[in-house]
Amino acid sequence: MQTTQTIIARKNQSNWWHNAWSAVLRWLRLTNDITVKVYHGYGQPGRYVVYGHVLTLGPLQRTRFSGNFWKNTVALLRLFIVRPYAGAHVQLRWEGEILKTVTEDDGFFKIEWKTNRHLPPGWHPIQVEMTGGQGEIIATGTGYIFIPYPTQLGFISDIDDTFLISHSANLRKRLYVLFTRNARSRKPFEGVVRHYQALTLGRTTEAAPNPFFYVSSSEWNLFNYILEFTRVNGLPKGVFLLSQLKRFSQIFKTGQNKHATKFMRIVRILEHYPEQRFVLLGDSSQQDPDIYAAVVKHFPQQVHAVYIRDVYRKNKEKAAKTLDVIEAAGVPCCFFEHSSEALEHSRRIGLI
């Protein structure tokens, strides 16, 4: 029979091991504390949606940035050291109501709801909680919901090789840039920030900027990375809709998600804002022209213009033909190499 002293000794041993392991993880800038990650949600008066993940192992937020090759490599690897919490119970408190859901196999959750309360345009903080079997709060995470201003246009932009130089068509170059640089040392294309800043203020005022949605094949692992890049470079603040979380064993497949899901993420935005017209911005390195052509086919009244950056010579002819089809449907297109060309086109068609 176990004595009380034996049970206490084993408990203390367990706590000692847990504390020691937690200290090692912190030294590696990781945590095994349950983490609720809440991404930028979005909505319109009376209808809102927010996304997130629950993890039992994941990276701590990076606070120091260095040009050191190895430090950047380790920091990137760290973003893929994750252990999702499947079946976790999460909830959002809203106007006295508790909205509940359960995480998927990869720890992902989505909370969508309708309400009579109409939030004003802008960014609104929210808090999501993970609860235990007795309803006790185990962990919390904070994020924001964005309510667009009632402007004439919205913008849906790809990320890699659209405004962030990524070499997506060349796996070796893509991985080299991703592993050896960081969110502050990566570079945008020349002139792209000026173009995007002009677009967010086109036909409107600084007090009510046009909304930006960033839809990419990059994984949720890179959310904070991309968020920091856009912040440092002065790109318009926006909502991110990224791809399925990847584990460490899948790191060399980063950015190679199924592009059909990208189409569906764009569709969700258009269906959420049926009265809004959108400009689509992408590049020729992967499947953006075909995806945008499909969007125009299904939502011809909501697409105002399409911009494709010419970054991949092998796809140039195919992309040009696809854009001809889009223009034949009555949607202005710009196939450009330099952002100055896109900026001039935006002036010409009255976007800015």
Protein backbone atom coordinates (compact mmCIF):
# COMPACT_ATOMS: atom_id res chain seq x y z
CA MET A 1 0.00 0.00 0.00
CA GLN A 2 1.29 3.46 -0.88
CA THR A 3 1.93 5.73 2.06
CA THR A 4 1.07 9.42 2.11
CA GLN A 5 4.79 10.20 2.15
CA THR A 6 5.31 8.09 -1.01
CA ILE A 7 2.51 9.89 -2.87
CA ILE A 8 3.86 13.32 -1.85
CA ALA A 9 7.37 12.30 -2.90
CA ARG A 10 6.18 11.21 -6.32
CA LYS A 11 4.15 14.39 -6.73
CA ASN A 12 7.16 16.50 -5.80
CA GLN A 13 9.31 14.52 -8.23
CA SER A 14 6.74 15.07 -10.96
CA ASN A 15 6.59 18.80 -10.20
CA TRP A 16 10.38 18.98 -10.21
CA TRP A 17 10.57 17.30 -13.61
CA HIS A 18 7.80 19.53 -15.00
CA ASN A 19 9.49 22.69 -13.73
CA ALA A 20 12.88 21.61 -15.07
CA TRP A 21 11.44 20.75 -18.48
CA SER A 22 9.53 24.07 -18.58
CA ALA A 23 12.78 25.91 -17.80
CA VAL A 24 14.53 24.14 -20.70
CA LEU A 25 11.69 25.05 -23.04
CA ARG A 26 11.78 28.70 -21.94
CA TRP A 27 15.51 28.75 -22.67
CA LEU A 28 14.62 27.52 -26.17
CA ARG A 29 11.93 30.24 -26.35
CA LEU A 30 9.17 27.63 -26.25
CA THR A 31 6.35 27.03 -23.80
CA ASN A 32 4.40 23.95 -22.79
CA ASP A 33 1.74 26.05 -21.11
CA ILE A 34 -1.64 25.79 -22.83
CA THR A 35 -1.84 28.71 -25.24
CA VAL A 36 -4.95 30.17 -26.88
CA LYS A 37 -3.91 32.04 -30.02
CA VAL A 38 -6.55 34.41 -31.37
CA TYR A 39 -6.14 35.86 -34.85
CA HIS A 40 -7.72 38.95 -36.39
CA GLY A 41 -11.44 38.34 -36.80
CA TYR A 42 -13.81 40.38 -38.90
CA GLY A 43 -17.45 41.22 -39.23
CA GLN A 44 -20.19 43.60 -40.17
CA PRO A 45 -23.00 45.00 -38.02
CA GLY A 46 -24.70 42.02 -36.39
CA ARG A 47 -22.47 39.25 -37.80
CA TYR A 48 -18.94 38.38 -36.66
CA VAL A 49 -16.32 35.63 -36.96
CA VAL A 50 -13.02 34.93 -35.22
CA TYR A 51 -10.39 32.19 -35.66
CA GLY A 52 -7.62 30.75 -33.52
CA HIS A 53 -5.64 27.74 -32.29
CA VAL A 54 -5.13 26.04 -28.96
CA LEU A 55 -1.64 24.61 -28.42
CA THR A 56 -0.02 22.61 -25.64
CA LEU A 57 3.44 23.38 -27.03
CA GLY A 58 4.45 26.36 -29.08
CA PRO A 59 6.89 29.25 -29.59
CA LEU A 60 7.10 32.32 -27.40
CA GLN A 61 6.75 35.69 -29.06
CA ARG A 62 10.02 36.89 -30.58
CA THR A 63 11.16 40.18 -29.03
CA ARG A 64 14.75 40.45 -30.28
CA PHE A 65 15.76 40.51 -33.92
CA SER A 66 19.24 39.89 -35.24
CA GLY A 67 21.03 39.59 -38.56
CA ASN A 68 22.74 36.45 -37.33
CA PHE A 69 22.22 33.54 -39.73
CA TRP A 70 21.85 30.86 -37.05
CA LYS A 71 19.61 32.89 -34.77
CA ASN A 72 17.21 33.54 -37.63
CA THR A 73 17.27 29.88 -38.65
CA VAL A 74 16.51 28.68 -35.12
CA ALA A 75 13.77 31.32 -34.72
CA LEU A 76 12.09 30.12 -37.91
CA LEU A 77 12.33 26.45 -36.91
CA ARG A 78 10.80 27.33 -33.57
CA LEU A 79 7.59 28.54 -35.26
CA PHE A 80 6.92 24.98 -36.41
CA ILE A 81 7.52 23.30 -33.06
CA VAL A 82 3.86 23.10 -32.12
CA ARG A 83 1.57 20.54 -30.50
CA PRO A 84 -2.09 21.28 -31.22
CA TYR A 85 -4.79 20.60 -28.64
CA ALA A 86 -7.56 18.65 -30.34
CA GLY A 87 -11.01 18.64 -28.75
CA ALA A 88 -10.33 21.62 -26.46
CA HIS A 89 -13.41 23.50 -25.30
CA VAL A 90 -13.20 27.22 -26.05
CA GLN A 91 -15.66 30.02 -25.50
CA LEU A 92 -16.21 33.69 -26.17
CA ARG A 93 -18.27 35.89 -23.86
CA TRP A 94 -20.41 38.34 -25.78
CA GLU A 95 -23.12 40.62 -24.37
CA GLY A 96 -23.92 38.22 -21.53
CA GLU A 97 -23.97 35.22 -23.88
CA ILE A 98 -21.33 32.47 -23.93
CA LEU A 99 -20.47 31.23 -27.43
CA LYS A 100 -18.85 27.79 -27.34
CA THR A 101 -17.02 25.51 -29.75
CA VAL A 102 -14.48 22.66 -29.78
CA THR A 103 -11.11 22.68 -31.53
CA GLU A 104 -10.44 20.49 -34.57
CA ASP A 105 -7.69 17.87 -34.84
CA ASP A 106 -5.09 20.56 -35.56
CA GLY A 107 -6.23 22.69 -32.61
CA PHE A 108 -8.05 25.16 -34.90
CA PHE A 109 -11.28 26.84 -33.84
CA LYS A 110 -13.79 29.14 -35.48
CA ILE A 111 -16.46 31.08 -33.63
CA GLU A 112 -19.12 32.74 -35.75
CA TRP A 113 -22.17 34.47 -34.36
CA LYS A 114 -24.96 36.94 -34.96
CA THR A 115 -26.12 39.62 -32.55
CA ASN A 116 -28.34 42.66 -32.37
CA ARG A 117 -25.44 44.75 -31.14
CA HIS A 118 -23.79 46.71 -33.94
CA LEU A 119 -20.14 47.47 -33.32
CA PRO A 120 -18.87 50.73 -34.84
CA PRO A 121 -16.19 50.51 -37.58
CA GLY A 122 -12.63 49.88 -36.42
CA TRP A 123 -10.73 47.34 -34.33
CA HIS A 124 -12.34 45.85 -31.21
CA PRO A 125 -10.54 43.67 -28.61
CA ILE A 126 -11.97 40.27 -27.72
CA GLN A 127 -10.96 37.46 -25.37
CA VAL A 128 -11.32 33.72 -25.97
CA GLU A 129 -11.14 31.23 -23.09
CA MET A 130 -10.34 27.53 -22.92
CA THR A 131 -12.31 25.74 -20.23
CA GLY A 132 -11.98 22.47 -18.33
CA GLY A 133 -14.53 19.76 -17.61
CA GLN A 134 -16.14 21.76 -14.78
CA GLY A 135 -16.27 24.95 -16.83
CA GLU A 136 -13.20 26.42 -15.12
CA ILE A 137 -11.04 28.76 -17.19
CA ILE A 138 -7.68 27.13 -17.97
CA ALA A 139 -6.19 29.62 -20.45
CA THR A 140 -7.18 32.80 -22.26
CA GLY A 141 -6.09 34.55 -25.44
CA THR A 142 -6.80 38.03 -26.77
CA GLY A 143 -7.30 39.26 -30.31
CA TYR A 144 -9.26 41.77 -32.35
CA ILE A 145 -12.32 41.91 -34.55
CA PHE A 146 -12.21 44.34 -37.46
CA ILE A 147 -15.36 46.09 -38.65
CA PRO A 148 -14.67 47.81 -42.01
CA TYR A 149 -15.70 51.38 -42.58
CA PRO A 150 -18.51 51.83 -45.13
CA THR A 151 -16.17 52.66 -48.03
CA GLN A 152 -16.63 51.96 -51.71
CA LEU A 153 -13.86 49.38 -52.04
CA GLY A 154 -12.08 46.59 -50.21
CA PHE A 155 -8.78 44.90 -51.07
CA ILE A 156 -7.84 41.22 -50.96
CA SER A 157 -4.09 40.67 -51.32
CA ASP A 158 -1.81 37.68 -51.49
CA ILE A 159 1.41 37.97 -49.47
CA ASP A 160 4.38 35.99 -50.85
CA ASP A 161 5.78 37.59 -54.02
CA THR A 162 2.87 40.01 -54.13
CA PHE A 163 4.33 42.46 -51.63
CA LEU A 164 6.86 40.29 -49.74
CA ILE A 165 9.85 39.07 -51.78
CA SER A 166 9.72 35.29 -51.26
CA HIS A 167 10.84 33.42 -54.42
CA SER A 168 7.83 31.11 -54.12
CA ALA A 169 8.50 29.42 -57.47
CA ASN A 170 11.96 28.31 -56.35
CA LEU A 171 11.86 26.12 -53.23
CA ARG A 172 15.61 26.46 -52.54
CA LYS A 173 15.54 30.26 -52.70
CA ARG A 174 12.29 30.44 -50.76
CA LEU A 175 13.62 28.35 -47.89
CA TYR A 176 16.94 30.22 -47.87
CA VAL A 177 15.22 33.60 -47.47
CA LEU A 178 12.74 32.23 -44.95
CA PHE A 179 15.39 30.57 -42.78
CA THR A 180 18.14 33.18 -42.88
CA ARG A 181 16.19 36.42 -42.49
CA ASN A 182 13.52 37.63 -40.11
CA ALA A 183 10.36 39.71 -40.17
CA ARG A 184 12.39 42.91 -39.88
CA SER A 185 15.13 42.07 -42.36
CA ARG A 186 12.88 40.69 -45.13
CA LYS A 187 12.15 43.17 -47.92
CA PRO A 188 9.00 44.29 -49.71
CA PHE A 189 9.08 45.01 -53.44
CA GLU A 190 10.15 48.51 -54.30
CA GLY A 191 7.19 50.88 -54.36
CA VAL A 192 4.63 48.36 -53.11
CA VAL A 193 4.15 50.04 -49.72
CA ARG A 194 3.45 53.36 -51.43
CA HIS A 195 0.91 51.65 -53.70
CA TYR A 196 -0.90 49.89 -50.85
CA GLN A 197 -0.98 53.02 -48.72
CA ALA A 198 -2.53 54.89 -51.63
CA LEU A 199 -5.11 52.14 -52.14
CA THR A 200 -6.20 52.09 -48.50
CA LEU A 201 -6.95 55.82 -48.77
CA GLY A 202 -8.39 55.73 -52.29
CA ARG A 203 -11.85 57.33 -52.60
CA THR A 204 -11.95 57.76 -48.82
CA THR A 205 -10.26 59.55 -45.93
CA GLU A 206 -7.57 58.68 -43.41
CA ALA A 207 -10.25 58.47 -40.71
CA ALA A 208 -12.09 55.73 -42.64
CA PRO A 209 -9.51 53.66 -44.60
CA ASN A 210 -10.46 50.99 -47.10
CA PRO A 211 -10.23 47.47 -45.60
CA PHE A 212 -7.41 45.06 -46.45
CA PHE A 213 -7.62 41.27 -46.23
CA TYR A 214 -4.41 39.26 -46.62
CA VAL A 215 -5.13 35.76 -47.95
CA SER A 216 -2.12 33.48 -48.37
CA SER A 217 -0.95 29.89 -48.74
CA SER A 218 1.50 30.55 -45.89
CA GLU A 219 0.62 28.72 -42.68
CA TRP A 220 -0.81 30.07 -39.43
CA ASN A 221 2.62 29.29 -37.94
CA LEU A 222 3.80 32.49 -39.65
CA PHE A 223 1.00 34.77 -38.40
CA ASN A 224 3.13 36.80 -35.97
CA TYR A 225 6.03 36.80 -38.43
CA ILE A 226 3.91 38.33 -41.22
CA LEU A 227 2.12 40.65 -38.82
CA GLU A 228 5.47 42.06 -37.69
CA PHE A 229 6.63 42.46 -41.29
CA THR A 230 3.54 44.46 -42.28
CA ARG A 231 3.81 46.61 -39.15
CA VAL A 232 7.49 47.44 -39.59
CA ASN A 233 7.08 48.27 -43.27
CA GLY A 234 3.96 50.40 -42.88
CA LEU A 235 1.59 48.24 -44.91
CA PRO A 236 -2.14 48.73 -44.21
CA LYS A 237 -3.35 46.99 -41.10
CA GLY A 238 -5.65 44.16 -42.08
CA VAL A 239 -7.19 40.76 -41.45
CA PHE A 240 -5.09 37.66 -42.18
CA LEU A 241 -6.54 34.43 -43.53
CA LEU A 242 -3.73 31.90 -43.71
CA SER A 243 -3.42 28.16 -44.32
CA GLN A 244 -3.52 25.10 -42.09
CA LEU A 245 -0.98 24.87 -39.27
CA LYS A 246 2.05 22.71 -40.05
CA ARG A 247 4.12 20.56 -37.71
CA PHE A 248 7.94 20.46 -37.58
CA SER A 249 8.11 17.41 -39.87
CA GLN A 250 6.31 19.42 -42.59
CA ILE A 251 8.52 22.51 -42.44
CA PHE A 252 10.06 21.98 -45.89
CA LYS A 253 6.55 22.05 -47.37
CA THR A 254 5.85 25.55 -46.06
CA GLY A 255 3.80 27.62 -48.49
CA GLN A 256 2.80 24.54 -50.50
CA ASN A 257 -0.77 24.20 -49.32
CA LYS A 258 -3.73 23.32 -51.51
CA HIS A 259 -4.67 26.47 -53.36
CA ALA A 260 -8.36 25.48 -53.55
CA THR A 261 -8.62 26.47 -49.89
CA LYS A 262 -7.36 29.94 -50.84
CA PHE A 263 -10.28 30.29 -53.23
CA MET A 264 -12.69 29.33 -50.45
CA ARG A 265 -11.19 31.87 -48.04
CA ILE A 266 -11.70 34.62 -50.62
CA VAL A 267 -15.26 33.42 -51.19
CA ARG A 268 -15.98 33.70 -47.46
CA ILE A 269 -14.94 37.36 -47.50
CA LEU A 270 -17.09 38.15 -50.54
CA GLU A 271 -20.09 36.37 -49.04
CA HIS A 272 -19.57 38.17 -45.73
CA TYR A 273 -19.65 41.55 -47.49
CA PRO A 274 -22.08 41.07 -50.40
CA GLU A 275 -22.54 44.82 -50.93
CA GLN A 276 -18.79 45.52 -51.12
CA ARG A 277 -16.68 45.60 -54.28
CA PHE A 278 -13.15 44.24 -54.04
CA VAL A 279 -9.81 44.60 -55.80
CA LEU A 280 -7.72 41.39 -55.95
CA LEU A 281 -3.91 41.57 -55.79
CA GLY A 282 -1.60 38.61 -56.42
CA ASP A 283 1.35 37.34 -58.43
CA SER A 284 2.23 34.89 -61.19
CA SER A 285 4.47 32.56 -59.16
CA GLN A 286 1.73 30.08 -58.32
CA GLN A 287 -2.02 29.99 -59.03
CA ASP A 288 -3.31 33.49 -58.26
CA PRO A 289 -4.41 34.28 -61.86
CA ASP A 290 -6.49 31.08 -62.07
CA ILE A 291 -7.92 31.56 -58.58
CA TYR A 292 -8.89 35.16 -59.32
CA ALA A 293 -10.42 34.14 -62.66
CA ALA A 294 -12.61 31.66 -60.78
CA VAL A 295 -13.58 34.38 -58.27
CA VAL A 296 -14.58 36.72 -61.13
CA LYS A 297 -16.61 33.94 -62.73
CA HIS A 298 -18.60 33.31 -59.54
CA PHE A 299 -18.78 36.90 -58.25
CA PRO A 300 -18.67 39.13 -61.36
CA GLN A 301 -20.43 42.04 -59.66
CA GLN A 302 -18.09 42.18 -56.68
CA VAL A 303 -14.67 42.22 -58.34
CA HIS A 304 -13.66 45.75 -59.33
CA ALA A 305 -10.12 45.06 -60.63
CA VAL A 306 -7.33 42.46 -60.61
CA TYR A 307 -3.58 43.08 -60.17
CA ILE A 308 -0.96 40.40 -60.86
CA ARG A 309 2.75 40.95 -60.28
CA ASP A 310 4.89 39.33 -62.99
CA VAL A 311 7.54 37.41 -61.01
CA TYR A 312 7.83 34.05 -62.79
CA ARG A 313 8.91 34.01 -66.42
CA LYS A 314 7.66 30.45 -67.08
CA ASN A 315 4.13 31.46 -66.11
CA LYS A 316 4.10 34.80 -67.95
CA GLU A 317 2.29 33.71 -71.10
CA LYS A 318 -0.26 31.59 -69.21
CA ALA A 319 -0.95 34.36 -66.69
CA ALA A 320 -1.38 36.93 -69.47
CA LYS A 321 -3.96 34.73 -71.23
CA THR A 322 -5.88 34.25 -67.98
CA LEU A 323 -5.97 38.00 -67.39
CA ASP A 324 -7.28 38.47 -70.95
CA VAL A 325 -10.21 36.23 -70.01
CA ILE A 326 -10.84 38.29 -66.86
CA GLU A 327 -10.75 41.55 -68.83
CA ALA A 328 -13.16 40.08 -71.38
CA ALA A 329 -15.58 39.65 -68.47
CA GLY A 330 -15.41 43.41 -67.90
CA VAL A 331 -12.93 43.51 -65.00
CA PRO A 332 -9.88 45.80 -65.46
CA CYS A 333 -6.54 44.00 -65.03
CA CYS A 334 -2.95 45.07 -64.54
CA PHE A 335 -0.10 42.63 -65.25
CA PHE A 336 2.95 44.44 -63.96
CA GLU A 337 6.57 43.95 -63.04
CA HIS A 338 7.17 47.13 -61.04
CA SER A 339 4.81 48.65 -58.47
CA SER A 340 5.11 52.03 -60.20
CA GLU A 341 3.17 50.50 -63.12
CA ALA A 342 0.44 49.27 -60.76
CA LEU A 343 0.28 52.68 -59.07
CA GLU A 344 -0.16 54.43 -62.41
CA HIS A 345 -2.87 51.94 -63.42
CA SER A 346 -4.70 52.58 -60.15
CA ARG A 347 -4.66 56.31 -60.89
CA ARG A 348 -5.88 55.71 -64.42
CA ILE A 349 -8.94 53.67 -63.40
CA GLY A 350 -9.76 55.96 -60.47
CA LEU A 351 -8.83 53.74 -57.52
CA ILE A 352 -6.70 56.50 -56.01
